Amino acid sequence: MKQFGLTPKQAKFLKFLADFIEQNGYSPSYEEMKQVLNYKSKSRIHAFVHSLKSRGYVRLIPYLKRSIIITKKGIGIAR
């Protein structure tokens, strides 16, 4: 069941990002996300990040590492 236009896996991914950023003060690397969420490839992480970006839940700062920023729309969903 989709909630707020997100699949359950996308919602879980967004919550993970929000929690990680809140605890650490910066966003996780693709490698950290891959390991914590038990995915086998970073391409899966890339797909999640860009699907959230296209829906307006996160922003990316170009050319910077660890630059995922959760938007106000995303914060409302992740809590």
Protein backbone atom coordinates (compact mmCIF):
# COMPACT_ATOMS: atom_id res chain seq x y z
CA MET A 1 0.00 0.00 0.00
CA LYS A 2 1.36 3.40 -0.99
CA GLN A 3 1.31 6.15 1.57
CA PHE A 4 2.05 9.73 0.55
CA GLY A 5 2.97 8.42 -2.91
CA LEU A 6 5.74 6.21 -1.50
CA THR A 7 6.06 2.45 -1.40
CA PRO A 8 6.70 0.91 2.03
CA LYS A 9 10.37 0.38 1.09
CA GLN A 10 10.74 4.01 0.02
CA ALA A 11 9.12 5.19 3.25
CA LYS A 12 11.46 2.96 5.26
CA PHE A 13 14.43 4.33 3.31
CA LEU A 14 13.34 7.93 3.96
CA LYS A 15 12.95 7.19 7.70
CA PHE A 16 16.43 5.65 7.76
CA LEU A 17 17.88 8.78 6.10
CA ALA A 18 16.10 11.10 8.55
CA ASP A 19 17.23 9.10 11.58
CA PHE A 20 20.84 8.87 10.35
CA ILE A 21 21.05 12.60 9.62
CA GLU A 22 19.49 13.47 12.98
CA GLN A 23 21.95 11.24 14.88
CA ASN A 24 25.11 12.12 12.94
CA GLY A 25 24.57 15.62 11.55
CA TYR A 26 25.34 14.51 7.98
CA SER A 27 23.87 12.13 5.46
CA PRO A 28 25.13 8.57 5.04
CA SER A 29 27.32 7.52 2.13
CA TYR A 30 25.88 5.17 -0.47
CA GLU A 31 28.17 2.43 0.91
CA GLU A 32 26.85 2.95 4.47
CA MET A 33 23.27 2.85 3.22
CA LYS A 34 23.98 -0.33 1.27
CA GLN A 35 25.45 -2.06 4.31
CA VAL A 36 22.85 -0.97 6.86
CA LEU A 37 19.89 -1.77 4.61
CA ASN A 38 21.43 -5.05 3.38
CA TYR A 39 21.35 -4.25 -0.33
CA LYS A 40 23.84 -5.89 -2.65
CA SER A 41 24.51 -2.93 -4.93
CA LYS A 42 24.75 0.82 -4.70
CA SER A 43 22.57 1.12 -7.80
CA ARG A 44 19.57 0.16 -5.64
CA ILE A 45 20.46 2.98 -3.23
CA HIS A 46 20.87 5.36 -6.16
CA ALA A 47 17.38 4.41 -7.40
CA PHE A 48 15.83 5.06 -3.97
CA VAL A 49 17.58 8.41 -3.56
CA HIS A 50 16.56 9.63 -7.00
CA SER A 51 12.97 8.42 -6.64
CA LEU A 52 12.70 10.41 -3.39
CA LYS A 53 14.32 13.39 -5.11
CA SER A 54 11.89 13.28 -8.04
CA ARG A 55 8.97 13.27 -5.59
CA GLY A 56 10.36 16.24 -3.65
CA TYR A 57 11.20 14.43 -0.38
CA VAL A 58 14.96 15.02 -0.58
CA ARG A 59 17.38 17.41 -2.29
CA LEU A 60 20.93 16.72 -3.42
CA ILE A 61 23.75 19.24 -3.55
CA PRO A 62 25.59 18.57 -6.81
CA TYR A 63 29.25 17.53 -6.67
CA LEU A 64 29.32 17.06 -2.90
CA LYS A 65 29.52 13.79 -1.02
CA ARG A 66 27.05 13.13 1.78
CA SER A 67 24.83 15.88 0.44
CA ILE A 68 21.34 14.44 0.82
CA ILE A 69 19.04 16.96 2.47
CA ILE A 70 15.54 16.02 3.55
CA THR A 71 12.97 18.63 2.55
CA LYS A 72 10.11 19.85 4.75
CA LYS A 73 7.82 17.54 2.78
CA GLY A 74 10.16 14.62 3.56
CA ILE A 75 10.48 15.47 7.23
CA GLY A 76 6.71 15.35 7.60
CA ILE A 77 6.65 11.82 6.21
CA ALA A 78 9.73 10.50 8.04
CA ARG A 79 8.43 11.34 11.51
